[in-house]
Amino acid sequence: TPEQVVVRIEARRNLEKGSTIHVTTDPHH
């Protein structure tokens, strides 16, 4: 993975700095 991973999310999701999220995607993307 690169030094920085960027994820667009819906606004006001209330994530906290330092927390961990898990992401995936679909083959056609």
PDB file of all heavy atoms in Angstrom:
ATOM      1  N   THR A   1       0.838  -1.192   0.000  1.00  0.00           N
ATOM      2  CA  THR A   1       0.000   0.000   0.000  1.00  0.00           C
ATOM      3  C   THR A   1       0.881   1.254   0.000  1.00  0.00           C
ATOM      4  O   THR A   1       1.995   1.240   0.519  1.00  0.00           O
ATOM      5  CB  THR A   1      -0.927   0.045   1.234  1.00  0.00           C
ATOM      6  OG1 THR A   1      -0.139  -0.077   2.415  1.00  0.00           O
ATOM      7  CG2 THR A   1      -1.942  -1.082   1.175  1.00  0.00           C
ATOM      8  N   PRO A   2       0.392   2.348  -0.586  1.00  0.00           N
ATOM      9  CA  PRO A   2       1.170   3.589  -0.595  1.00  0.00           C
ATOM     10  C   PRO A   2       1.231   4.206   0.796  1.00  0.00           C
ATOM     11  O   PRO A   2       0.556   3.746   1.728  1.00  0.00           O
ATOM     12  CB  PRO A   2       0.388   4.478  -1.564  1.00  0.00           C
ATOM     13  CG  PRO A   2      -1.016   3.977  -1.492  1.00  0.00           C
ATOM     14  CD  PRO A   2      -0.918   2.501  -1.257  1.00  0.00           C
ATOM     15  N   GLU A   3       2.043   5.255   0.917  1.00  0.00           N
ATOM     16  CA  GLU A   3       2.173   5.923   2.216  1.00  0.00           C
ATOM     17  C   GLU A   3       0.839   6.485   2.689  1.00  0.00           C
ATOM     18  O   GLU A   3       0.589   6.587   3.887  1.00  0.00           O
ATOM     19  CB  GLU A   3       3.195   7.059   2.124  1.00  0.00           C
ATOM     20  CG  GLU A   3       4.631   6.585   1.938  1.00  0.00           C
ATOM     21  CD  GLU A   3       5.605   7.742   1.932  1.00  0.00           C
ATOM     22  OE1 GLU A   3       5.159   8.886   2.165  1.00  0.00           O
ATOM     23  OE2 GLU A   3       6.797   7.503   1.696  1.00  0.00           O
ATOM     24  N   GLN A   4      -0.016   6.859   1.724  1.00  0.00           N
ATOM     25  CA  GLN A   4      -1.299   7.458   2.085  1.00  0.00           C
ATOM     26  C   GLN A   4      -2.406   6.833   1.255  1.00  0.00           C
ATOM     27  O   GLN A   4      -2.296   6.726   0.043  1.00  0.00           O
ATOM     28  CB  GLN A   4      -1.238   8.966   1.838  1.00  0.00           C
ATOM     29  CG  GLN A   4      -2.503   9.718   2.196  1.00  0.00           C
ATOM     30  CD  GLN A   4      -2.295  11.217   2.091  1.00  0.00           C
ATOM     31  OE1 GLN A   4      -2.009  11.896   3.056  1.00  0.00           O
ATOM     32  NE2 GLN A   4      -2.424  11.736   0.887  1.00  0.00           N
ATOM     33  N   VAL A   5      -3.456   6.404   1.914  1.00  0.00           N
ATOM     34  CA  VAL A   5      -4.641   5.872   1.250  1.00  0.00           C
ATOM     35  C   VAL A   5      -5.766   6.888   1.425  1.00  0.00           C
ATOM     36  O   VAL A   5      -5.984   7.399   2.531  1.00  0.00           O
ATOM     37  CB  VAL A   5      -5.058   4.508   1.841  1.00  0.00           C
ATOM     38  CG1 VAL A   5      -6.341   4.003   1.178  1.00  0.00           C
ATOM     39  CG2 VAL A   5      -3.935   3.490   1.670  1.00  0.00           C
ATOM     40  N   VAL A   6      -6.460   7.196   0.318  1.00  0.00           N
ATOM     41  CA  VAL A   6      -7.528   8.205   0.357  1.00  0.00           C
ATOM     42  C   VAL A   6      -8.865   7.524   0.073  1.00  0.00           C
ATOM     43  O   VAL A   6      -8.994   6.765  -0.900  1.00  0.00           O
ATOM     44  CB  VAL A   6      -7.286   9.319  -0.674  1.00  0.00           C
ATOM     45  CG1 VAL A   6      -8.331  10.428  -0.503  1.00  0.00           C
ATOM     46  CG2 VAL A   6      -5.881   9.882  -0.542  1.00  0.00           C
ATOM     47  N   VAL A   7      -9.837   7.799   0.919  1.00  0.00           N
ATOM     48  CA  VAL A   7     -11.166   7.206   0.793  1.00  0.00           C
ATOM     49  C   VAL A   7     -12.202   8.328   0.857  1.00  0.00           C
ATOM     50  O   VAL A   7     -12.178   9.136   1.797  1.00  0.00           O
ATOM     51  CB  VAL A   7     -11.443   6.199   1.938  1.00  0.00           C
ATOM     52  CG1 VAL A   7     -12.819   5.561   1.763  1.00  0.00           C
ATOM     53  CG2 VAL A   7     -10.349   5.141   1.999  1.00  0.00           C
ATOM     54  N   ARG A   8     -13.090   8.392  -0.124  1.00  0.00           N
ATOM     55  CA  ARG A   8     -14.179   9.365  -0.038  1.00  0.00           C
ATOM     56  C   ARG A   8     -15.351   8.729   0.691  1.00  0.00           C
ATOM     57  O   ARG A   8     -15.732   7.591   0.380  1.00  0.00           O
ATOM     58  CB  ARG A   8     -14.630   9.823  -1.434  1.00  0.00           C
ATOM     59  CG  ARG A   8     -15.564  11.043  -1.352  1.00  0.00           C
ATOM     60  CD  ARG A   8     -15.978  11.550  -2.708  1.00  0.00           C
ATOM     61  NE  ARG A   8     -17.032  10.718  -3.290  1.00  0.00           N
ATOM     62  CZ  ARG A   8     -17.594  10.948  -4.467  1.00  0.00           C
ATOM     63  NH1 ARG A   8     -17.172  11.950  -5.215  1.00  0.00           N
ATOM     64  NH2 ARG A   8     -18.542  10.151  -4.927  1.00  0.00           N
ATOM     65  N   ILE A   9     -15.917   9.453   1.635  1.00  0.00           N
ATOM     66  CA  ILE A   9     -17.041   8.951   2.416  1.00  0.00           C
ATOM     67  C   ILE A   9     -18.148   9.995   2.420  1.00  0.00           C
ATOM     68  O   ILE A   9     -17.937  11.145   2.019  1.00  0.00           O
ATOM     69  CB  ILE A   9     -16.619   8.621   3.864  1.00  0.00           C
ATOM     70  CG1 ILE A   9     -16.114   9.897   4.562  1.00  0.00           C
ATOM     71  CG2 ILE A   9     -15.560   7.531   3.885  1.00  0.00           C
ATOM     72  CD1 ILE A   9     -15.848   9.718   6.049  1.00  0.00           C
ATOM     73  N   GLU A  10     -19.325   9.598   2.882  1.00  0.00           N
ATOM     74  CA  GLU A  10     -20.389  10.585   3.034  1.00  0.00           C
ATOM     75  C   GLU A  10     -20.034  11.539   4.175  1.00  0.00           C
ATOM     76  O   GLU A  10     -19.312  11.160   5.111  1.00  0.00           O
ATOM     77  CB  GLU A  10     -21.738   9.904   3.288  1.00  0.00           C
ATOM     78  CG  GLU A  10     -21.841   9.097   4.558  1.00  0.00           C
ATOM     79  CD  GLU A  10     -21.461   7.638   4.341  1.00  0.00           C
ATOM     80  OE1 GLU A  10     -20.705   7.346   3.391  1.00  0.00           O
ATOM     81  OE2 GLU A  10     -21.921   6.789   5.141  1.00  0.00           O
ATOM     82  N   ALA A  11     -20.535  12.749   4.087  1.00  0.00           N
ATOM     83  CA  ALA A  11     -20.211  13.768   5.080  1.00  0.00           C
ATOM     84  C   ALA A  11     -20.789  13.403   6.449  1.00  0.00           C
ATOM     85  O   ALA A  11     -21.773  12.675   6.555  1.00  0.00           O
ATOM     86  CB  ALA A  11     -20.747  15.118   4.630  1.00  0.00           C
ATOM     87  N   ARG A  12     -20.126  13.920   7.475  1.00  0.00           N
ATOM     88  CA  ARG A  12     -20.608  13.817   8.861  1.00  0.00           C
ATOM     89  C   ARG A  12     -20.762  12.361   9.331  1.00  0.00           C
ATOM     90  O   ARG A  12     -21.713  12.010  10.032  1.00  0.00           O
ATOM     91  CB  ARG A  12     -21.935  14.562   9.032  1.00  0.00           C
ATOM     92  CG  ARG A  12     -21.832  16.047   8.653  1.00  0.00           C
ATOM     93  CD  ARG A  12     -23.195  16.738   8.594  1.00  0.00           C
ATOM     94  NE  ARG A  12     -23.056  18.111   8.193  1.00  0.00           N
ATOM     95  CZ  ARG A  12     -22.996  18.517   6.931  1.00  0.00           C
ATOM     96  NH1 ARG A  12     -23.040  17.640   5.948  1.00  0.00           N
ATOM     97  NH2 ARG A  12     -22.878  19.806   6.645  1.00  0.00           N
ATOM     98  N   ARG A  13     -19.843  11.532   8.936  1.00  0.00           N
ATOM     99  CA  ARG A  13     -19.888  10.136   9.366  1.00  0.00           C
ATOM    100  C   ARG A  13     -19.344   9.974  10.784  1.00  0.00           C
ATOM    101  O   ARG A  13     -19.485   8.919  11.412  1.00  0.00           O
ATOM    102  CB  ARG A  13     -19.098   9.263   8.392  1.00  0.00           C
ATOM    103  CG  ARG A  13     -19.311   7.769   8.600  1.00  0.00           C
ATOM    104  CD  ARG A  13     -18.554   6.945   7.579  1.00  0.00           C
ATOM    105  NE  ARG A  13     -18.648   5.525   7.904  1.00  0.00           N
ATOM    106  CZ  ARG A  13     -19.473   4.679   7.320  1.00  0.00           C
ATOM    107  NH1 ARG A  13     -20.282   5.095   6.359  1.00  0.00           N
ATOM    108  NH2 ARG A  13     -19.478   3.405   7.668  1.00  0.00           N
ATOM    109  N   ASN A  14     -18.695  10.988  11.283  1.00  0.00           N
ATOM    110  CA  ASN A  14     -18.206  11.009  12.665  1.00  0.00           C
ATOM    111  C   ASN A  14     -17.121   9.961  12.934  1.00  0.00           C
ATOM    112  O   ASN A  14     -17.124   9.303  13.983  1.00  0.00           O
ATOM    113  CB  ASN A  14     -19.370  10.810  13.662  1.00  0.00           C
ATOM    114  CG  ASN A  14     -20.355  11.965  13.607  1.00  0.00           C
ATOM    115  OD1 ASN A  14     -19.957  13.119  13.417  1.00  0.00           O
ATOM    116  ND2 ASN A  14     -21.635  11.667  13.760  1.00  0.00           N
ATOM    117  N   LEU A  15     -16.226   9.807  11.991  1.00  0.00           N
ATOM    118  CA  LEU A  15     -15.065   8.966  12.239  1.00  0.00           C
ATOM    119  C   LEU A  15     -14.072   9.732  13.104  1.00  0.00           C
ATOM    120  O   LEU A  15     -14.010  10.963  13.053  1.00  0.00           O
ATOM    121  CB  LEU A  15     -14.403   8.570  10.923  1.00  0.00           C
ATOM    122  CG  LEU A  15     -15.199   7.666   9.984  1.00  0.00           C
ATOM    123  CD1 LEU A  15     -14.403   7.419   8.698  1.00  0.00           C
ATOM    124  CD2 LEU A  15     -15.524   6.342  10.654  1.00  0.00           C
ATOM    125  N   GLU A  16     -13.278   9.035  13.876  1.00  0.00           N
ATOM    126  CA  GLU A  16     -12.297   9.678  14.734  1.00  0.00           C
ATOM    127  C   GLU A  16     -10.894   9.442  14.212  1.00  0.00           C
ATOM    128  O   GLU A  16     -10.580   8.364  13.682  1.00  0.00           O
ATOM    129  CB  GLU A  16     -12.409   9.128  16.162  1.00  0.00           C
ATOM    130  CG  GLU A  16     -13.720   9.452  16.850  1.00  0.00           C
ATOM    131  CD  GLU A  16     -13.731   8.936  18.279  1.00  0.00           C
ATOM    132  OE1 GLU A  16     -12.717   8.337  18.703  1.00  0.00           O
ATOM    133  OE2 GLU A  16     -14.750   9.142  18.975  1.00  0.00           O
ATOM    134  N   LYS A  17     -10.053  10.456  14.354  1.00  0.00           N
ATOM    135  CA  LYS A  17      -8.647  10.294  13.989  1.00  0.00           C
ATOM    136  C   LYS A  17      -8.032   9.207  14.864  1.00  0.00           C
ATOM    137  O   LYS A  17      -8.281   9.151  16.071  1.00  0.00           O
ATOM    138  CB  LYS A  17      -7.896  11.608  14.195  1.00  0.00           C
ATOM    139  CG  LYS A  17      -8.344  12.726  13.269  1.00  0.00           C
ATOM    140  CD  LYS A  17      -7.591  14.015  13.555  1.00  0.00           C
ATOM    141  CE  LYS A  17      -8.100  15.146  12.681  1.00  0.00           C
ATOM    142  NZ  LYS A  17      -7.396  16.432  12.974  1.00  0.00           N
ATOM    143  N   GLY A  18      -7.245   8.354  14.223  1.00  0.00           N
ATOM    144  CA  GLY A  18      -6.633   7.252  14.954  1.00  0.00           C
ATOM    145  C   GLY A  18      -7.436   5.974  14.903  1.00  0.00           C
ATOM    146  O   GLY A  18      -6.908   4.900  15.215  1.00  0.00           O
ATOM    147  N   SER A  19      -8.713   6.072  14.522  1.00  0.00           N
ATOM    148  CA  SER A  19      -9.534   4.860  14.404  1.00  0.00           C
ATOM    149  C   SER A  19      -9.170   4.106  13.129  1.00  0.00           C
ATOM    150  O   SER A  19      -8.509   4.649  12.240  1.00  0.00           O
ATOM    151  CB  SER A  19     -11.017   5.221  14.409  1.00  0.00           C
ATOM    152  OG  SER A  19     -11.331   6.008  13.259  1.00  0.00           O
ATOM    153  N   THR A  20      -9.593   2.873  13.038  1.00  0.00           N
ATOM    154  CA  THR A  20      -9.298   2.049  11.855  1.00  0.00           C
ATOM    155  C   THR A  20     -10.591   1.680  11.150  1.00  0.00           C
ATOM    156  O   THR A  20     -11.560   1.224  11.784  1.00  0.00           O
ATOM    157  CB  THR A  20      -8.545   0.770  12.251  1.00  0.00           C
ATOM    158  OG1 THR A  20      -7.289   1.120  12.844  1.00  0.00           O
ATOM    159  CG2 THR A  20      -8.286  -0.101  11.028  1.00  0.00           C
ATOM    160  N   ILE A  21     -10.623   1.908   9.854  1.00  0.00           N
ATOM    161  CA  ILE A  21     -11.745   1.476   9.022  1.00  0.00           C
ATOM    162  C   ILE A  21     -11.253   0.374   8.098  1.00  0.00           C
ATOM    163  O   ILE A  21     -10.050   0.223   7.867  1.00  0.00           O
ATOM    164  CB  ILE A  21     -12.333   2.638   8.197  1.00  0.00           C
ATOM    165  CG1 ILE A  21     -11.269   3.241   7.261  1.00  0.00           C
ATOM    166  CG2 ILE A  21     -12.933   3.700   9.093  1.00  0.00           C
ATOM    167  CD1 ILE A  21     -11.816   4.309   6.319  1.00  0.00           C
ATOM    168  N   HIS A  22     -12.177  -0.440   7.584  1.00  0.00           N
ATOM    169  CA  HIS A  22     -11.840  -1.484   6.624  1.00  0.00           C
ATOM    170  C   HIS A  22     -12.575  -1.180   5.330  1.00  0.00           C
ATOM    171  O   HIS A  22     -13.779  -0.893   5.345  1.00  0.00           O
ATOM    172  CB  HIS A  22     -12.229  -2.868   7.157  1.00  0.00           C
ATOM    173  CG  HIS A  22     -11.367  -3.316   8.297  1.00  0.00           C
ATOM    174  ND1 HIS A  22     -11.492  -2.787   9.571  1.00  0.00           N
ATOM    175  CD2 HIS A  22     -10.363  -4.226   8.357  1.00  0.00           C
ATOM    176  CE1 HIS A  22     -10.606  -3.365  10.374  1.00  0.00           C
ATOM    177  NE2 HIS A  22      -9.912  -4.234   9.657  1.00  0.00           N
ATOM    178  N   VAL A  23     -11.851  -1.197   4.224  1.00  0.00           N
ATOM    179  CA  VAL A  23     -12.454  -0.820   2.940  1.00  0.00           C
ATOM    180  C   VAL A  23     -12.256  -1.928   1.916  1.00  0.00           C
ATOM    181  O   VAL A  23     -11.286  -2.702   1.978  1.00  0.00           O
ATOM    182  CB  VAL A  23     -11.847   0.498   2.394  1.00  0.00           C
ATOM    183  CG1 VAL A  23     -12.155   1.657   3.315  1.00  0.00           C
ATOM    184  CG2 VAL A  23     -10.349   0.372   2.173  1.00  0.00           C
ATOM    185  N   THR A  24     -13.173  -2.001   0.977  1.00  0.00           N
ATOM    186  CA  THR A  24     -13.049  -2.888  -0.165  1.00  0.00           C
ATOM    187  C   THR A  24     -13.670  -2.182  -1.357  1.00  0.00           C
ATOM    188  O   THR A  24     -14.076  -1.018  -1.256  1.00  0.00           O
ATOM    189  CB  THR A  24     -13.725  -4.251   0.109  1.00  0.00           C
ATOM    190  OG1 THR A  24     -13.407  -5.149  -0.958  1.00  0.00           O
ATOM    191  CG2 THR A  24     -15.245  -4.103   0.202  1.00  0.00           C
ATOM    192  N   THR A  25     -13.738  -2.866  -2.479  1.00  0.00           N
ATOM    193  CA  THR A  25     -14.298  -2.257  -3.681  1.00  0.00           C
ATOM    194  C   THR A  25     -14.871  -3.357  -4.559  1.00  0.00           C
ATOM    195  O   THR A  25     -14.874  -4.538  -4.185  1.00  0.00           O
ATOM    196  CB  THR A  25     -13.236  -1.438  -4.435  1.00  0.00           C
ATOM    197  OG1 THR A  25     -13.851  -0.720  -5.497  1.00  0.00           O
ATOM    198  CG2 THR A  25     -12.119  -2.315  -4.982  1.00  0.00           C
ATOM    199  N   ASP A  26     -15.372  -2.978  -5.718  1.00  0.00           N
ATOM    200  CA  ASP A  26     -15.950  -3.940  -6.650  1.00  0.00           C
ATOM    201  C   ASP A  26     -15.057  -4.067  -7.873  1.00  0.00           C
ATOM    202  O   ASP A  26     -14.390  -3.101  -8.266  1.00  0.00           O
ATOM    203  CB  ASP A  26     -17.349  -3.472  -7.077  1.00  0.00           C
ATOM    204  CG  ASP A  26     -18.285  -3.345  -5.878  1.00  0.00           C
ATOM    205  OD1 ASP A  26     -18.335  -4.292  -5.075  1.00  0.00           O
ATOM    206  OD2 ASP A  26     -18.948  -2.300  -5.747  1.00  0.00           O
ATOM    207  N   PRO A  27     -15.028  -5.252  -8.514  1.00  0.00           N
ATOM    208  CA  PRO A  27     -14.097  -5.478  -9.626  1.00  0.00           C
ATOM    209  C   PRO A  27     -14.197  -4.442 -10.743  1.00  0.00           C
ATOM    210  O   PRO A  27     -13.182  -4.037 -11.304  1.00  0.00           O
ATOM    211  CB  PRO A  27     -14.492  -6.873 -10.124  1.00  0.00           C
ATOM    212  CG  PRO A  27     -15.104  -7.551  -8.941  1.00  0.00           C
ATOM    213  CD  PRO A  27     -15.792  -6.467  -8.180  1.00  0.00           C
ATOM    214  N   HIS A  28     -15.416  -3.986 -11.051  1.00  0.00           N
ATOM    215  CA  HIS A  28     -15.557  -3.052 -12.173  1.00  0.00           C
ATOM    216  C   HIS A  28     -15.064  -1.644 -11.824  1.00  0.00           C
ATOM    217  O   HIS A  28     -14.980  -0.785 -12.696  1.00  0.00           O
ATOM    218  CB  HIS A  28     -17.011  -2.993 -12.660  1.00  0.00           C
ATOM    219  CG  HIS A  28     -17.990  -2.517 -11.622  1.00  0.00           C
ATOM    220  ND1 HIS A  28     -18.521  -3.346 -10.658  1.00  0.00           N
ATOM    221  CD2 HIS A  28     -18.529  -1.290 -11.400  1.00  0.00           C
ATOM    222  CE1 HIS A  28     -19.348  -2.661  -9.889  1.00  0.00           C
ATOM    223  NE2 HIS A  28     -19.378  -1.409 -10.315  1.00  0.00           N
ATOM    224  N   HIS A  29     -14.716  -1.410 -10.571  1.00  0.00           N
ATOM    225  CA  HIS A  29     -14.156  -0.118 -10.162  1.00  0.00           C
ATOM    226  C   HIS A  29     -12.637  -0.148 -10.056  1.00  0.00           C
ATOM    227  O   HIS A  29     -12.026   0.882  -9.759  1.00  0.00           O
ATOM    228  CB  HIS A  29     -14.719   0.306  -8.797  1.00  0.00           C
ATOM    229  CG  HIS A  29     -16.135   0.778  -8.858  1.00  0.00           C
ATOM    230  ND1 HIS A  29     -17.032   0.598  -7.817  1.00  0.00           N
ATOM    231  CD2 HIS A  29     -16.814   1.419  -9.834  1.00  0.00           C
ATOM    232  CE1 HIS A  29     -18.201   1.106  -8.157  1.00  0.00           C
ATOM    233  NE2 HIS A  29     -18.093   1.613  -9.368  1.00  0.00           N
TER     234      HIS A  29
END
